[in-house]
N, C-alpha and C. Protein backbone atom coordinates (compact mmCIF):
# COMPACT_ATOMS: atom_id res chain seq x y z
N UNK A 1 28.06 -37.47 -43.18
CA UNK A 1 27.87 -38.19 -41.94
C UNK A 1 26.50 -37.79 -41.33
N UNK A 2 25.66 -38.76 -41.33
CA UNK A 2 24.40 -38.50 -40.93
C UNK A 2 24.26 -38.64 -39.36
N UNK A 3 23.37 -37.74 -38.74
CA UNK A 3 23.13 -37.69 -37.26
C UNK A 3 21.84 -38.39 -36.96
N UNK A 4 21.63 -39.23 -35.95
CA UNK A 4 20.45 -39.81 -35.61
C UNK A 4 19.59 -38.85 -34.93
N UNK A 5 18.29 -38.98 -34.86
CA UNK A 5 17.34 -38.05 -34.26
C UNK A 5 17.76 -37.74 -32.75
N UNK A 6 18.17 -38.74 -32.01
CA UNK A 6 18.68 -38.49 -30.85
C UNK A 6 19.86 -37.66 -30.63
N UNK A 7 20.70 -37.69 -31.56
CA UNK A 7 21.95 -36.79 -31.50
C UNK A 7 21.54 -35.38 -32.04
N UNK A 8 20.69 -35.15 -32.74
CA UNK A 8 20.10 -34.00 -33.07
C UNK A 8 19.45 -33.30 -31.92
N UNK A 9 18.43 -34.08 -31.36
CA UNK A 9 17.76 -33.54 -30.34
C UNK A 9 18.68 -33.13 -29.13
N UNK A 10 19.54 -34.06 -28.78
CA UNK A 10 20.56 -33.80 -27.68
C UNK A 10 21.40 -32.46 -27.99
N UNK A 11 21.82 -32.27 -29.26
CA UNK A 11 22.48 -31.22 -29.53
C UNK A 11 21.56 -29.82 -29.50
N UNK A 12 20.28 -29.91 -30.00
CA UNK A 12 19.39 -28.92 -29.92
C UNK A 12 19.20 -28.52 -28.52
N UNK A 13 19.03 -29.42 -27.55
CA UNK A 13 18.64 -29.11 -26.08
C UNK A 13 19.94 -28.38 -25.48
N UNK A 14 21.13 -28.94 -25.92
CA UNK A 14 22.45 -28.46 -25.29
C UNK A 14 22.42 -27.00 -25.85
N UNK A 15 22.21 -26.64 -27.08
CA UNK A 15 22.38 -25.41 -27.67
C UNK A 15 21.37 -24.41 -27.12
N UNK A 16 20.15 -24.91 -27.10
CA UNK A 16 18.97 -23.80 -26.95
C UNK A 16 18.81 -23.70 -25.46
N UNK A 17 18.76 -24.84 -24.56
CA UNK A 17 18.51 -24.58 -23.19
C UNK A 17 17.07 -24.15 -22.98
N UNK A 18 16.79 -23.85 -21.92
CA UNK A 18 15.35 -23.46 -21.38
C UNK A 18 15.07 -22.00 -21.65
N UNK A 19 16.32 -21.33 -21.61
CA UNK A 19 16.23 -19.70 -21.46
C UNK A 19 15.85 -19.12 -22.67
N UNK A 20 15.88 -19.77 -23.80
CA UNK A 20 15.63 -19.15 -25.21
C UNK A 20 14.33 -19.72 -25.62
N UNK A 21 13.55 -18.54 -26.30
CA UNK A 21 12.40 -18.81 -26.99
C UNK A 21 12.64 -19.12 -28.54
N UNK A 22 12.74 -20.18 -28.95
CA UNK A 22 12.94 -20.44 -30.31
C UNK A 22 11.77 -20.52 -31.18
N UNK A 23 11.57 -19.68 -32.24
CA UNK A 23 10.36 -19.74 -33.08
C UNK A 23 10.36 -21.25 -33.73
N UNK A 24 9.15 -21.78 -33.65
CA UNK A 24 9.07 -22.96 -34.18
C UNK A 24 8.09 -22.78 -35.38
N UNK A 25 8.00 -23.78 -36.38
CA UNK A 25 7.09 -23.67 -37.60
C UNK A 25 5.70 -23.71 -37.14
N UNK A 26 4.96 -22.97 -37.80
CA UNK A 26 3.35 -23.00 -37.67
C UNK A 26 2.90 -24.34 -38.50
N UNK A 27 1.91 -24.94 -38.08
CA UNK A 27 1.44 -26.07 -38.69
C UNK A 27 0.53 -25.69 -39.73
N UNK A 28 1.15 -25.22 -40.86
CA UNK A 28 0.30 -24.69 -42.05
C UNK A 28 0.99 -25.06 -43.29
N UNK A 29 0.36 -25.04 -44.50
CA UNK A 29 0.98 -25.35 -45.68
C UNK A 29 2.05 -24.44 -46.22
N UNK A 30 2.03 -23.25 -45.43
CA UNK A 30 3.07 -22.24 -45.64
C UNK A 30 4.28 -22.25 -45.10
N UNK A 31 4.37 -23.16 -44.23
CA UNK A 31 5.61 -23.53 -43.46
C UNK A 31 6.80 -23.70 -44.55
N UNK A 32 8.09 -23.12 -44.08
CA UNK A 32 9.21 -23.40 -44.93
C UNK A 32 9.71 -24.87 -44.99
N UNK A 33 9.03 -25.75 -44.33
CA UNK A 33 9.45 -27.14 -44.36
C UNK A 33 8.33 -27.89 -44.79
N UNK A 34 7.50 -27.77 -45.81
CA UNK A 34 6.35 -28.38 -46.09
C UNK A 34 6.62 -29.87 -46.15
N UNK A 35 7.69 -30.34 -46.88
CA UNK A 35 7.87 -31.74 -47.06
C UNK A 35 8.64 -32.46 -45.79
N UNK A 36 9.10 -31.64 -44.92
CA UNK A 36 10.07 -31.98 -43.94
C UNK A 36 9.51 -31.84 -42.48
N UNK A 37 8.92 -32.66 -41.86
CA UNK A 37 8.19 -32.51 -40.47
C UNK A 37 9.43 -32.01 -39.37
N UNK A 38 10.71 -32.30 -39.70
CA UNK A 38 11.69 -32.05 -38.72
C UNK A 38 11.91 -30.53 -38.64
N UNK A 39 11.92 -30.03 -37.36
CA UNK A 39 11.95 -28.62 -37.10
C UNK A 39 13.53 -28.25 -36.92
N UNK A 40 14.39 -29.12 -36.59
CA UNK A 40 15.76 -28.79 -36.23
C UNK A 40 16.52 -29.98 -37.13
N UNK A 41 17.63 -29.63 -37.81
CA UNK A 41 18.39 -30.56 -38.63
C UNK A 41 19.75 -30.16 -38.71
N UNK A 42 20.66 -31.04 -39.03
CA UNK A 42 22.13 -30.78 -39.20
C UNK A 42 22.33 -30.76 -40.76
N UNK A 43 23.03 -29.83 -41.27
CA UNK A 43 23.36 -29.73 -42.66
C UNK A 43 24.93 -29.40 -42.63
N UNK A 44 25.65 -30.11 -43.58
CA UNK A 44 27.16 -29.96 -43.62
C UNK A 44 27.29 -29.46 -45.19
N UNK A 45 27.96 -28.23 -45.42
CA UNK A 45 27.96 -27.66 -46.66
C UNK A 45 29.41 -27.46 -46.89
N UNK A 46 29.64 -27.93 -48.22
CA UNK A 46 31.10 -27.65 -48.80
C UNK A 46 31.18 -26.22 -49.35
N UNK A 47 32.27 -25.64 -49.20
CA UNK A 47 32.32 -24.08 -49.69
C UNK A 47 32.70 -24.41 -51.33
N UNK A 48 31.90 -23.52 -51.97
CA UNK A 48 32.03 -23.44 -53.37
C UNK A 48 32.97 -22.11 -53.76
N UNK A 49 33.05 -21.94 -55.09
CA UNK A 49 33.82 -20.83 -55.64
C UNK A 49 33.35 -19.33 -54.94
N UNK A 50 32.26 -19.40 -54.65
CA UNK A 50 31.60 -18.05 -53.96
C UNK A 50 31.47 -18.34 -52.44
N UNK A 51 31.80 -19.19 -52.03
CA UNK A 51 31.65 -19.54 -50.57
C UNK A 51 30.34 -20.50 -50.40
N UNK A 52 29.73 -20.25 -49.18
CA UNK A 52 28.56 -21.21 -48.95
C UNK A 52 27.32 -20.69 -49.75
N UNK A 53 27.22 -19.49 -49.97
CA UNK A 53 26.11 -18.81 -50.69
C UNK A 53 24.76 -18.61 -50.03
N UNK A 54 25.08 -18.25 -48.76
CA UNK A 54 23.89 -17.72 -48.07
C UNK A 54 24.30 -16.47 -47.25
N UNK A 55 23.34 -15.49 -47.13
CA UNK A 55 23.41 -14.31 -46.49
C UNK A 55 22.72 -14.46 -45.32
N UNK A 56 23.37 -13.94 -44.19
CA UNK A 56 22.75 -13.93 -42.89
C UNK A 56 22.47 -12.65 -42.42
N UNK A 57 21.60 -12.53 -41.42
CA UNK A 57 21.15 -11.37 -40.67
C UNK A 57 20.70 -11.56 -39.37
N UNK A 58 21.13 -10.49 -38.34
CA UNK A 58 20.58 -10.72 -36.99
C UNK A 58 19.21 -10.31 -36.86
N UNK A 59 18.33 -11.33 -36.17
CA UNK A 59 16.96 -10.89 -36.09
C UNK A 59 16.59 -9.71 -35.50
N UNK A 60 17.58 -9.16 -34.52
CA UNK A 60 17.26 -7.86 -34.06
C UNK A 60 17.21 -6.81 -34.93
N UNK A 61 17.86 -6.83 -36.20
CA UNK A 61 17.72 -5.81 -37.10
C UNK A 61 16.77 -6.17 -38.22
N UNK A 62 15.64 -6.68 -37.80
CA UNK A 62 14.54 -7.04 -38.69
C UNK A 62 13.24 -6.79 -38.06
N UNK A 63 12.17 -6.72 -38.72
CA UNK A 63 10.82 -6.50 -37.90
C UNK A 63 10.52 -7.71 -37.05
N UNK A 64 11.13 -8.66 -37.20
CA UNK A 64 11.10 -9.83 -36.15
C UNK A 64 11.49 -9.38 -34.77
N UNK A 65 12.53 -8.40 -34.79
CA UNK A 65 13.04 -7.76 -33.45
C UNK A 65 13.40 -8.83 -32.51
N UNK A 66 13.91 -9.98 -32.77
CA UNK A 66 14.25 -11.13 -31.94
C UNK A 66 15.59 -11.57 -32.20
N UNK A 67 16.54 -11.62 -31.05
CA UNK A 67 17.85 -12.15 -31.44
C UNK A 67 17.91 -13.40 -32.06
N UNK A 68 19.03 -13.70 -32.81
CA UNK A 68 19.21 -14.85 -33.59
C UNK A 68 19.89 -14.57 -34.97
N UNK A 69 20.50 -15.59 -35.52
CA UNK A 69 21.18 -15.42 -36.68
C UNK A 69 20.19 -16.21 -37.72
N UNK A 70 19.84 -15.51 -38.75
CA UNK A 70 18.89 -16.09 -39.67
C UNK A 70 19.43 -15.97 -41.15
N UNK A 71 18.94 -16.98 -41.99
CA UNK A 71 19.30 -16.86 -43.32
C UNK A 71 18.28 -15.91 -44.07
N UNK A 72 19.01 -14.92 -44.69
CA UNK A 72 18.34 -13.76 -45.26
C UNK A 72 18.40 -13.95 -46.82
N UNK A 73 19.41 -14.67 -47.44
CA UNK A 73 19.34 -14.80 -48.93
C UNK A 73 19.99 -16.14 -49.14
N UNK A 74 19.77 -16.83 -50.27
CA UNK A 74 20.36 -18.01 -50.82
C UNK A 74 20.72 -17.61 -52.22
N UNK A 75 22.07 -17.70 -52.50
CA UNK A 75 22.48 -17.45 -53.82
C UNK A 75 22.23 -18.71 -54.81
N UNK A 76 21.56 -18.42 -55.95
CA UNK A 76 21.19 -19.50 -56.72
C UNK A 76 22.56 -20.37 -57.16
N UNK A 77 22.44 -21.72 -57.30
CA UNK A 77 23.35 -22.64 -57.69
C UNK A 77 24.65 -22.56 -56.58
N UNK A 78 24.40 -22.09 -55.40
CA UNK A 78 25.36 -22.18 -54.37
C UNK A 78 25.20 -23.60 -53.64
N UNK A 79 26.36 -23.90 -52.89
CA UNK A 79 26.06 -24.98 -52.01
C UNK A 79 24.95 -25.04 -51.09
N UNK A 80 24.66 -23.73 -50.52
CA UNK A 80 23.41 -23.80 -49.67
C UNK A 80 22.03 -23.94 -50.31
N UNK A 81 21.97 -23.31 -51.48
CA UNK A 81 20.93 -23.51 -52.34
C UNK A 81 20.75 -24.96 -52.86
N UNK A 82 21.80 -25.52 -53.31
CA UNK A 82 21.73 -26.84 -53.96
C UNK A 82 21.36 -27.94 -52.92
N UNK A 83 21.67 -27.74 -51.66
CA UNK A 83 21.39 -28.77 -50.50
C UNK A 83 19.92 -28.87 -50.43
N UNK A 84 19.11 -27.82 -50.69
CA UNK A 84 17.72 -27.92 -50.92
C UNK A 84 16.84 -27.94 -49.59
N UNK A 85 17.56 -28.08 -48.39
CA UNK A 85 16.74 -27.95 -47.14
C UNK A 85 16.76 -26.62 -46.59
N UNK A 86 17.65 -25.69 -46.99
CA UNK A 86 17.71 -24.37 -46.18
C UNK A 86 16.73 -23.54 -47.01
N UNK A 87 16.19 -22.64 -46.17
CA UNK A 87 15.19 -21.73 -46.64
C UNK A 87 15.39 -20.49 -45.97
N UNK A 88 15.08 -19.17 -46.68
CA UNK A 88 15.09 -17.88 -46.13
C UNK A 88 14.37 -17.97 -44.82
N UNK A 89 14.83 -17.34 -43.80
CA UNK A 89 13.98 -17.33 -42.41
C UNK A 89 14.66 -18.54 -41.57
N UNK A 90 15.31 -19.40 -41.99
CA UNK A 90 15.76 -20.48 -41.14
C UNK A 90 16.75 -19.93 -40.31
N UNK A 91 16.93 -20.42 -38.83
CA UNK A 91 17.75 -19.87 -38.00
C UNK A 91 19.00 -20.77 -37.82
N UNK A 92 20.21 -20.30 -37.70
CA UNK A 92 21.39 -21.05 -37.49
C UNK A 92 21.56 -21.16 -36.14
N UNK A 93 21.54 -22.08 -35.46
CA UNK A 93 21.70 -22.28 -33.95
C UNK A 93 23.24 -22.58 -33.57
N UNK A 94 23.93 -23.28 -34.43
CA UNK A 94 25.16 -23.71 -34.05
C UNK A 94 26.16 -24.09 -35.36
N UNK A 95 27.41 -23.74 -35.24
CA UNK A 95 28.28 -24.12 -36.27
C UNK A 95 29.34 -24.99 -35.78
N UNK A 96 29.67 -26.17 -36.32
CA UNK A 96 30.48 -27.11 -35.80
C UNK A 96 30.43 -27.40 -34.38
N UNK A 97 29.11 -27.43 -33.82
CA UNK A 97 29.14 -27.57 -32.29
C UNK A 97 29.08 -26.33 -31.46
N UNK A 98 29.53 -25.25 -32.09
CA UNK A 98 29.59 -24.03 -31.16
C UNK A 98 28.30 -23.28 -31.43
N UNK A 99 27.71 -22.89 -30.23
CA UNK A 99 26.39 -22.27 -30.33
C UNK A 99 26.47 -20.87 -30.81
N UNK A 100 25.46 -20.22 -31.49
CA UNK A 100 25.25 -19.01 -31.94
C UNK A 100 24.24 -18.35 -31.18
N UNK A 101 23.65 -18.99 -30.19
CA UNK A 101 22.72 -18.44 -29.35
C UNK A 101 23.24 -17.26 -28.68
N UNK A 102 22.78 -16.01 -28.80
CA UNK A 102 23.42 -14.86 -28.04
C UNK A 102 24.39 -14.24 -28.82
N UNK A 103 24.86 -14.82 -29.75
CA UNK A 103 26.13 -14.36 -30.67
C UNK A 103 25.52 -13.13 -31.49
N UNK A 104 26.49 -12.08 -31.65
CA UNK A 104 26.13 -10.92 -32.58
C UNK A 104 26.55 -11.45 -33.98
N UNK A 105 26.04 -10.55 -34.88
CA UNK A 105 26.36 -10.92 -36.25
C UNK A 105 27.67 -11.20 -36.69
N UNK A 106 28.58 -10.18 -36.31
CA UNK A 106 29.88 -10.24 -36.57
C UNK A 106 30.70 -11.49 -36.10
N UNK A 107 30.33 -11.77 -34.91
CA UNK A 107 30.94 -13.02 -34.22
C UNK A 107 30.42 -14.43 -34.87
N UNK A 108 29.25 -14.39 -35.46
CA UNK A 108 28.60 -15.42 -36.03
C UNK A 108 29.38 -15.62 -37.52
N UNK A 109 29.42 -14.53 -38.17
CA UNK A 109 30.03 -14.55 -39.41
C UNK A 109 31.48 -15.05 -39.35
N UNK A 110 32.21 -14.47 -38.47
CA UNK A 110 33.71 -14.81 -38.16
C UNK A 110 33.79 -16.36 -37.86
N UNK A 111 32.90 -16.87 -37.02
CA UNK A 111 32.87 -18.32 -36.83
C UNK A 111 32.61 -19.09 -37.95
N UNK A 112 31.68 -18.71 -38.80
CA UNK A 112 31.43 -19.45 -40.02
C UNK A 112 32.60 -19.36 -40.99
N UNK A 113 33.25 -18.29 -41.09
CA UNK A 113 34.27 -18.09 -42.04
C UNK A 113 35.56 -18.92 -41.61
N UNK A 114 35.68 -19.06 -40.20
CA UNK A 114 36.77 -19.92 -39.77
C UNK A 114 36.42 -21.51 -39.52
N UNK A 115 35.17 -21.92 -40.05
CA UNK A 115 34.82 -23.22 -39.62
C UNK A 115 35.29 -24.31 -40.45
N UNK A 116 36.30 -23.97 -41.42
CA UNK A 116 36.68 -24.99 -42.43
C UNK A 116 36.02 -25.13 -43.70
N UNK A 117 36.53 -26.01 -44.49
CA UNK A 117 36.00 -26.26 -45.79
C UNK A 117 34.56 -27.01 -45.82
N UNK A 118 34.24 -27.66 -44.79
CA UNK A 118 32.90 -28.21 -44.71
C UNK A 118 32.19 -28.07 -43.51
N UNK A 119 31.86 -26.81 -43.08
CA UNK A 119 31.10 -26.59 -41.81
C UNK A 119 29.87 -27.18 -41.60
N UNK A 120 29.56 -27.73 -40.34
CA UNK A 120 28.24 -28.35 -39.98
C UNK A 120 27.46 -27.32 -39.25
N UNK A 121 26.05 -27.22 -39.81
CA UNK A 121 25.21 -26.28 -39.16
C UNK A 121 24.10 -26.97 -38.46
N UNK A 122 23.66 -26.50 -37.38
CA UNK A 122 22.37 -26.95 -36.64
C UNK A 122 21.45 -25.80 -37.05
N UNK A 123 20.48 -26.06 -37.82
CA UNK A 123 19.49 -25.13 -38.27
C UNK A 123 17.97 -25.50 -37.69
N UNK A 124 17.14 -24.45 -37.47
CA UNK A 124 15.88 -24.48 -36.99
C UNK A 124 15.13 -24.00 -38.15
N UNK A 125 14.14 -24.79 -38.54
CA UNK A 125 13.20 -24.23 -39.54
C UNK A 125 12.28 -23.08 -39.04
N UNK A 126 12.03 -22.14 -39.78
CA UNK A 126 11.01 -21.05 -39.34
C UNK A 126 9.81 -21.25 -40.26
N UNK A 127 8.80 -20.51 -39.62
CA UNK A 127 7.59 -20.70 -40.35
C UNK A 127 7.46 -19.38 -41.52
N UNK A 128 6.44 -19.49 -42.23
CA UNK A 128 6.20 -18.58 -43.42
C UNK A 128 6.33 -17.16 -42.77
N UNK A 129 5.85 -16.75 -41.68
CA UNK A 129 5.64 -15.38 -41.10
C UNK A 129 7.06 -14.93 -40.78
N UNK A 130 7.87 -15.68 -40.27
CA UNK A 130 9.22 -15.33 -39.91
C UNK A 130 10.17 -15.16 -41.10
N UNK A 131 9.89 -16.02 -42.17
CA UNK A 131 10.67 -15.93 -43.38
C UNK A 131 10.28 -14.53 -44.00
N UNK A 132 8.98 -14.18 -44.01
CA UNK A 132 8.52 -12.82 -44.54
C UNK A 132 9.26 -11.74 -43.99
N UNK A 133 9.20 -11.83 -42.55
CA UNK A 133 9.84 -10.76 -41.81
C UNK A 133 11.54 -10.63 -42.16
N UNK A 134 12.21 -11.69 -42.16
CA UNK A 134 13.58 -11.74 -42.53
C UNK A 134 13.75 -11.22 -43.84
N UNK A 135 13.07 -11.80 -44.88
CA UNK A 135 13.19 -11.22 -46.29
C UNK A 135 12.90 -9.87 -46.65
N UNK A 136 11.96 -9.29 -45.73
CA UNK A 136 11.58 -7.89 -45.89
C UNK A 136 12.45 -6.84 -45.39
N UNK A 137 13.56 -7.39 -44.64
CA UNK A 137 14.39 -6.48 -43.98
C UNK A 137 15.23 -5.75 -44.96
N UNK A 138 15.42 -4.52 -44.60
CA UNK A 138 16.30 -3.54 -45.48
C UNK A 138 17.67 -3.57 -45.19
N UNK A 139 18.12 -4.34 -44.19
CA UNK A 139 19.44 -4.34 -43.71
C UNK A 139 20.42 -5.05 -44.43
């Protein structure tokens, strides 16, 4: 099921609000979304034999030192990797319409695990520098 740009932006504004400073992609060729100018998008993933295939991390536990749930790893040939839009460093903003803004890692993981067989994610693209900080984390 596709969302219109209006639906995505409405959800984005409802989830983020004005109180949060969401990192946005830099306008460079090193951005994680070189071919996709959209900064926020919805992705629905079906669970595979190994789950969704993405490892997450709380941005507070990285050199980014900013709150948020970020994609740290993508397993090859997993639903998350096969989708093709998700990249290391992207921020998960919501799951099935439930905000992850302000959520700690354990709460976020529990929400994702209980989100059913085809969870929908609201995702914000991150720029190259954020992706580097997320992937360099030793947590």
